């Protein structure tokens, strides 16, 4: 088990060896981790910024 902190919101989470990012986080200290909430927000903003602007 490992306790990590989200790079954006600062929320602390405890992850186990089953978590998909466990190996990446265990290897390096300079690894950026984002929680599921921030990851979904970033994905939504990225998709929205790629859409064409609507004319007024």
PDB file of N, CA and C in Angstrom:
ATOM      1  N   UNK A   1       0.839  -1.182   0.000  1.00  0.00           N
ATOM      2  CA  UNK A   1       0.000   0.000   0.000  1.00  0.00           C
ATOM      3  C   UNK A   1       0.883   1.244   0.000  1.00  0.00           C
ATOM      4  N   UNK A   2       0.374   2.269  -0.637  1.00  0.00           N
ATOM      5  CA  UNK A   2       1.136   3.508  -0.767  1.00  0.00           C
ATOM      6  C   UNK A   2       0.155   4.681  -0.688  1.00  0.00           C
ATOM      7  N   UNK A   3       0.549   5.720   0.033  1.00  0.00           N
ATOM      8  CA  UNK A   3      -0.283   6.920   0.094  1.00  0.00           C
ATOM      9  C   UNK A   3       0.307   7.953  -0.858  1.00  0.00           C
ATOM     10  N   UNK A   4      -0.549   8.469  -1.750  1.00  0.00           N
ATOM     11  CA  UNK A   4      -0.104   9.446  -2.736  1.00  0.00           C
ATOM     12  C   UNK A   4      -1.019  10.654  -2.703  1.00  0.00           C
ATOM     13  N   UNK A   5      -0.544  11.756  -3.299  1.00  0.00           N
ATOM     14  CA  UNK A   5      -1.306  12.995  -3.319  1.00  0.00           C
ATOM     15  C   UNK A   5      -1.475  13.447  -4.760  1.00  0.00           C
ATOM     16  N   UNK A   6      -2.696  13.897  -5.088  1.00  0.00           N
ATOM     17  CA  UNK A   6      -3.000  14.389  -6.429  1.00  0.00           C
ATOM     18  C   UNK A   6      -2.213  15.676  -6.676  1.00  0.00           C
ATOM     19  N   UNK A   7      -1.667  15.809  -7.862  1.00  0.00           N
ATOM     20  CA  UNK A   7      -0.859  16.981  -8.198  1.00  0.00           C
ATOM     21  C   UNK A   7      -1.689  18.236  -8.395  1.00  0.00           C
ATOM     22  N   UNK A   8      -2.974  18.095  -8.694  1.00  0.00           N
ATOM     23  CA  UNK A   8      -3.821  19.254  -8.958  1.00  0.00           C
ATOM     24  C   UNK A   8      -4.618  19.696  -7.745  1.00  0.00           C
ATOM     25  N   UNK A   9      -5.386  18.778  -7.142  1.00  0.00           N
ATOM     26  CA  UNK A   9      -6.270  19.178  -6.044  1.00  0.00           C
ATOM     27  C   UNK A   9      -5.666  18.912  -4.669  1.00  0.00           C
ATOM     28  N   UNK A  10      -4.654  18.068  -4.573  1.00  0.00           N
ATOM     29  CA  UNK A  10      -4.002  17.787  -3.296  1.00  0.00           C
ATOM     30  C   UNK A  10      -4.686  16.704  -2.475  1.00  0.00           C
ATOM     31  N   UNK A  11      -5.669  16.033  -3.044  1.00  0.00           N
ATOM     32  CA  UNK A  11      -6.386  14.968  -2.336  1.00  0.00           C
ATOM     33  C   UNK A  11      -5.466  13.765  -2.131  1.00  0.00           C
ATOM     34  N   UNK A  12      -5.436  13.237  -0.906  1.00  0.00           N
ATOM     35  CA  UNK A  12      -4.599  12.079  -0.605  1.00  0.00           C
ATOM     36  C   UNK A  12      -5.398  10.804  -0.800  1.00  0.00           C
ATOM     37  N   UNK A  13      -4.755   9.822  -1.428  1.00  0.00           N
ATOM     38  CA  UNK A  13      -5.377   8.525  -1.677  1.00  0.00           C
ATOM     39  C   UNK A  13      -4.408   7.419  -1.306  1.00  0.00           C
ATOM     40  N   UNK A  14      -4.950   6.300  -0.890  1.00  0.00           N
ATOM     41  CA  UNK A  14      -4.150   5.115  -0.604  1.00  0.00           C
ATOM     42  C   UNK A  14      -4.394   4.137  -1.744  1.00  0.00           C
ATOM     43  N   UNK A  15      -3.303   3.719  -2.386  1.00  0.00           N
ATOM     44  CA  UNK A  15      -3.441   2.769  -3.492  1.00  0.00           C
ATOM     45  C   UNK A  15      -2.734   1.475  -3.124  1.00  0.00           C
ATOM     46  N   UNK A  16      -3.195   0.385  -3.734  1.00  0.00           N
ATOM     47  CA  UNK A  16      -2.598  -0.923  -3.514  1.00  0.00           C
ATOM     48  C   UNK A  16      -1.854  -1.348  -4.776  1.00  0.00           C
ATOM     49  N   UNK A  17      -1.285  -2.523  -4.748  1.00  0.00           N
ATOM     50  CA  UNK A  17      -0.532  -3.025  -5.905  1.00  0.00           C
ATOM     51  C   UNK A  17      -1.432  -3.307  -7.098  1.00  0.00           C
ATOM     52  N   UNK A  18      -2.736  -3.357  -6.906  1.00  0.00           N
ATOM     53  CA  UNK A  18      -3.677  -3.627  -7.986  1.00  0.00           C
ATOM     54  C   UNK A  18      -3.919  -2.376  -8.828  1.00  0.00           C
ATOM     55  N   UNK A  19      -3.663  -1.187  -8.286  1.00  0.00           N
ATOM     56  CA  UNK A  19      -3.922   0.081  -8.984  1.00  0.00           C
ATOM     57  C   UNK A  19      -3.085   0.158 -10.251  1.00  0.00           C
ATOM     58  N   UNK A  20      -3.664   0.757 -11.314  1.00  0.00           N
ATOM     59  CA  UNK A  20      -2.988   0.778 -12.617  1.00  0.00           C
ATOM     60  C   UNK A  20      -1.716   1.616 -12.630  1.00  0.00           C
ATOM     61  N   UNK A  21      -1.571   2.618 -11.750  1.00  0.00           N
ATOM     62  CA  UNK A  21      -0.387   3.478 -11.728  1.00  0.00           C
ATOM     63  C   UNK A  21       0.615   3.096 -10.633  1.00  0.00           C
ATOM     64  N   UNK A  22       0.412   1.979  -9.957  1.00  0.00           N
ATOM     65  CA  UNK A  22       1.259   1.629  -8.814  1.00  0.00           C
ATOM     66  C   UNK A  22       2.723   1.464  -9.209  1.00  0.00           C
ATOM     67  N   UNK A  23       2.989   0.717 -10.276  1.00  0.00           N
ATOM     68  CA  UNK A  23       4.386   0.481 -10.686  1.00  0.00           C
ATOM     69  C   UNK A  23       5.093   1.773 -11.061  1.00  0.00           C
ATOM     70  N   UNK A  24       4.397   2.625 -11.808  1.00  0.00           N
ATOM     71  CA  UNK A  24       4.978   3.901 -12.233  1.00  0.00           C
ATOM     72  C   UNK A  24       5.302   4.776 -11.033  1.00  0.00           C
ATOM     73  N   UNK A  25       4.419   4.805 -10.047  1.00  0.00           N
ATOM     74  CA  UNK A  25       4.628   5.629  -8.860  1.00  0.00           C
ATOM     75  C   UNK A  25       5.701   5.046  -7.950  1.00  0.00           C
ATOM     76  N   UNK A  26       5.818   3.734  -7.902  1.00  0.00           N
ATOM     77  CA  UNK A  26       6.813   3.090  -7.045  1.00  0.00           C
ATOM     78  C   UNK A  26       8.226   3.279  -7.586  1.00  0.00           C
ATOM     79  N   UNK A  27       8.372   3.404  -8.902  1.00  0.00           N
ATOM     80  CA  UNK A  27       9.697   3.533  -9.506  1.00  0.00           C
ATOM     81  C   UNK A  27      10.337   4.899  -9.308  1.00  0.00           C
ATOM     82  N   UNK A  28       9.584   5.971  -9.557  1.00  0.00           N
ATOM     83  CA  UNK A  28      10.193   7.295  -9.554  1.00  0.00           C
ATOM     84  C   UNK A  28       9.559   8.240  -8.555  1.00  0.00           C
ATOM     85  N   UNK A  29      10.340   9.220  -8.142  1.00  0.00           N
ATOM     86  CA  UNK A  29       9.829  10.220  -7.206  1.00  0.00           C
ATOM     87  C   UNK A  29       9.231  11.416  -7.936  1.00  0.00           C
ATOM     88  N   UNK A  30       9.644  11.680  -9.169  1.00  0.00           N
ATOM     89  CA  UNK A  30       9.161  12.840  -9.918  1.00  0.00           C
ATOM     90  C   UNK A  30       8.033  12.451 -10.868  1.00  0.00           C
ATOM     91  N   UNK A  31       7.089  11.679 -10.361  1.00  0.00           N
ATOM     92  CA  UNK A  31       5.966  11.215 -11.167  1.00  0.00           C
ATOM     93  C   UNK A  31       4.729  12.036 -10.813  1.00  0.00           C
ATOM     94  N   UNK A  32       4.014  12.485 -11.834  1.00  0.00           N
ATOM     95  CA  UNK A  32       2.797  13.276 -11.621  1.00  0.00           C
ATOM     96  C   UNK A  32       1.620  12.316 -11.516  1.00  0.00           C
ATOM     97  N   UNK A  33       0.836  12.447 -10.437  1.00  0.00           N
ATOM     98  CA  UNK A  33      -0.357  11.620 -10.244  1.00  0.00           C
ATOM     99  C   UNK A  33      -1.578  12.520 -10.211  1.00  0.00           C
ATOM    100  N   UNK A  34      -2.640  12.120 -10.920  1.00  0.00           N
ATOM    101  CA  UNK A  34      -3.901  12.846 -10.871  1.00  0.00           C
ATOM    102  C   UNK A  34      -4.990  11.878 -10.434  1.00  0.00           C
ATOM    103  N   UNK A  35      -5.876  12.334  -9.561  1.00  0.00           N
ATOM    104  CA  UNK A  35      -6.980  11.495  -9.096  1.00  0.00           C
ATOM    105  C   UNK A  35      -8.015  11.365 -10.216  1.00  0.00           C
ATOM    106  N   UNK A  36      -8.975  10.482 -10.023  1.00  0.00           N
ATOM    107  CA  UNK A  36      -9.978  10.228 -11.058  1.00  0.00           C
ATOM    108  C   UNK A  36     -10.815  11.473 -11.350  1.00  0.00           C
ATOM    109  N   UNK A  37     -11.126  12.275 -10.338  1.00  0.00           N
ATOM    110  CA  UNK A  37     -11.916  13.485 -10.538  1.00  0.00           C
ATOM    111  C   UNK A  37     -11.168  14.484 -11.410  1.00  0.00           C
ATOM    112  N   UNK A  38      -9.913  14.744 -11.091  1.00  0.00           N
ATOM    113  CA  UNK A  38      -9.111  15.689 -11.873  1.00  0.00           C
ATOM    114  C   UNK A  38      -8.837  15.148 -13.271  1.00  0.00           C
ATOM    115  N   UNK A  39      -8.655  13.843 -13.400  1.00  0.00           N
ATOM    116  CA  UNK A  39      -8.410  13.236 -14.709  1.00  0.00           C
ATOM    117  C   UNK A  39      -9.625  13.420 -15.611  1.00  0.00           C
ATOM    118  N   UNK A  40     -10.819  13.241 -15.052  1.00  0.00           N
ATOM    119  CA  UNK A  40     -12.040  13.433 -15.839  1.00  0.00           C
ATOM    120  C   UNK A  40     -12.209  14.893 -16.220  1.00  0.00           C
ATOM    121  N   UNK A  41     -11.881  15.805 -15.304  1.00  0.00           N
ATOM    122  CA  UNK A  41     -11.991  17.238 -15.598  1.00  0.00           C
ATOM    123  C   UNK A  41     -11.019  17.635 -16.707  1.00  0.00           C
ATOM    124  N   UNK A  42      -9.796  17.146 -16.644  1.00  0.00           N
ATOM    125  CA  UNK A  42      -8.801  17.449 -17.680  1.00  0.00           C
ATOM    126  C   UNK A  42      -9.225  16.893 -19.036  1.00  0.00           C
ATOM    127  N   UNK A  43      -9.767  15.685 -19.035  1.00  0.00           N
ATOM    128  CA  UNK A  43     -10.223  15.079 -20.289  1.00  0.00           C
ATOM    129  C   UNK A  43     -11.360  15.893 -20.895  1.00  0.00           C
ATOM    130  N   UNK A  44     -12.311  16.324 -20.086  1.00  0.00           N
ATOM    131  CA  UNK A  44     -13.438  17.110 -20.564  1.00  0.00           C
ATOM    132  C   UNK A  44     -12.966  18.437 -21.157  1.00  0.00           C
ATOM    133  N   UNK A  45     -12.044  19.110 -20.471  1.00  0.00           N
ATOM    134  CA  UNK A  45     -11.540  20.386 -20.963  1.00  0.00           C
ATOM    135  C   UNK A  45     -10.755  20.213 -22.257  1.00  0.00           C
ATOM    136  N   UNK A  46      -9.989  19.126 -22.375  1.00  0.00           N
ATOM    137  CA  UNK A  46      -9.217  18.888 -23.592  1.00  0.00           C
ATOM    138  C   UNK A  46     -10.136  18.617 -24.781  1.00  0.00           C
ATOM    139  N   UNK A  47     -11.178  17.831 -24.569  1.00  0.00           N
ATOM    140  CA  UNK A  47     -12.122  17.534 -25.650  1.00  0.00           C
ATOM    141  C   UNK A  47     -12.869  18.797 -26.048  1.00  0.00           C
ATOM    142  N   UNK A  48     -13.258  19.574 -25.071  1.00  0.00           N
ATOM    143  CA  UNK A  48     -14.011  20.802 -25.353  1.00  0.00           C
ATOM    144  C   UNK A  48     -13.156  21.833 -26.100  1.00  0.00           C
ATOM    145  N   UNK A  49     -11.876  21.903 -25.798  1.00  0.00           N
ATOM    146  CA  UNK A  49     -11.021  22.874 -26.475  1.00  0.00           C
ATOM    147  C   UNK A  49     -10.739  22.478 -27.930  1.00  0.00           C
ATOM    148  N   UNK A  50     -10.884  21.199 -28.258  1.00  0.00           N
ATOM    149  CA  UNK A  50     -10.659  20.734 -29.632  1.00  0.00           C
ATOM    150  C   UNK A  50     -11.860  20.950 -30.540  1.00  0.00           C
ATOM    151  N   UNK A  51     -13.024  21.203 -29.969  1.00  0.00           N
ATOM    152  CA  UNK A  51     -14.224  21.414 -30.765  1.00  0.00           C
ATOM    153  C   UNK A  51     -14.190  22.794 -31.411  1.00  0.00           C
ATOM    154  N   UNK A  52     -14.754  22.918 -32.615  1.00  0.00           N
ATOM    155  CA  UNK A  52     -14.769  24.238 -33.269  1.00  0.00           C
ATOM    156  C   UNK A  52     -15.679  25.215 -32.508  1.00  0.00           C
ATOM    157  N   UNK A  53     -15.319  26.485 -32.541  1.00  0.00           N
ATOM    158  CA  UNK A  53     -16.106  27.520 -31.868  1.00  0.00           C
ATOM    159  C   UNK A  53     -17.406  27.749 -32.625  1.00  0.00           C
ATOM    160  N   UNK A  54     -18.467  27.966 -31.892  1.00  0.00           N
ATOM    161  CA  UNK A  54     -19.772  28.231 -32.501  1.00  0.00           C
ATOM    162  C   UNK A  54     -19.853  29.711 -32.861  1.00  0.00           C
ATOM    163  N   UNK A  55     -20.338  30.035 -34.029  1.00  0.00           N
ATOM    164  CA  UNK A  55     -20.482  31.460 -34.391  1.00  0.00           C
ATOM    165  C   UNK A  55     -21.616  32.093 -33.591  1.00  0.00           C
ATOM    166  N   UNK A  56     -21.479  33.359 -33.357  1.00  0.00           N
ATOM    167  CA  UNK A  56     -22.489  34.090 -32.579  1.00  0.00           C
ATOM    168  C   UNK A  56     -23.604  34.568 -33.472  1.00  0.00           C
TER     169      UNK A  56
END
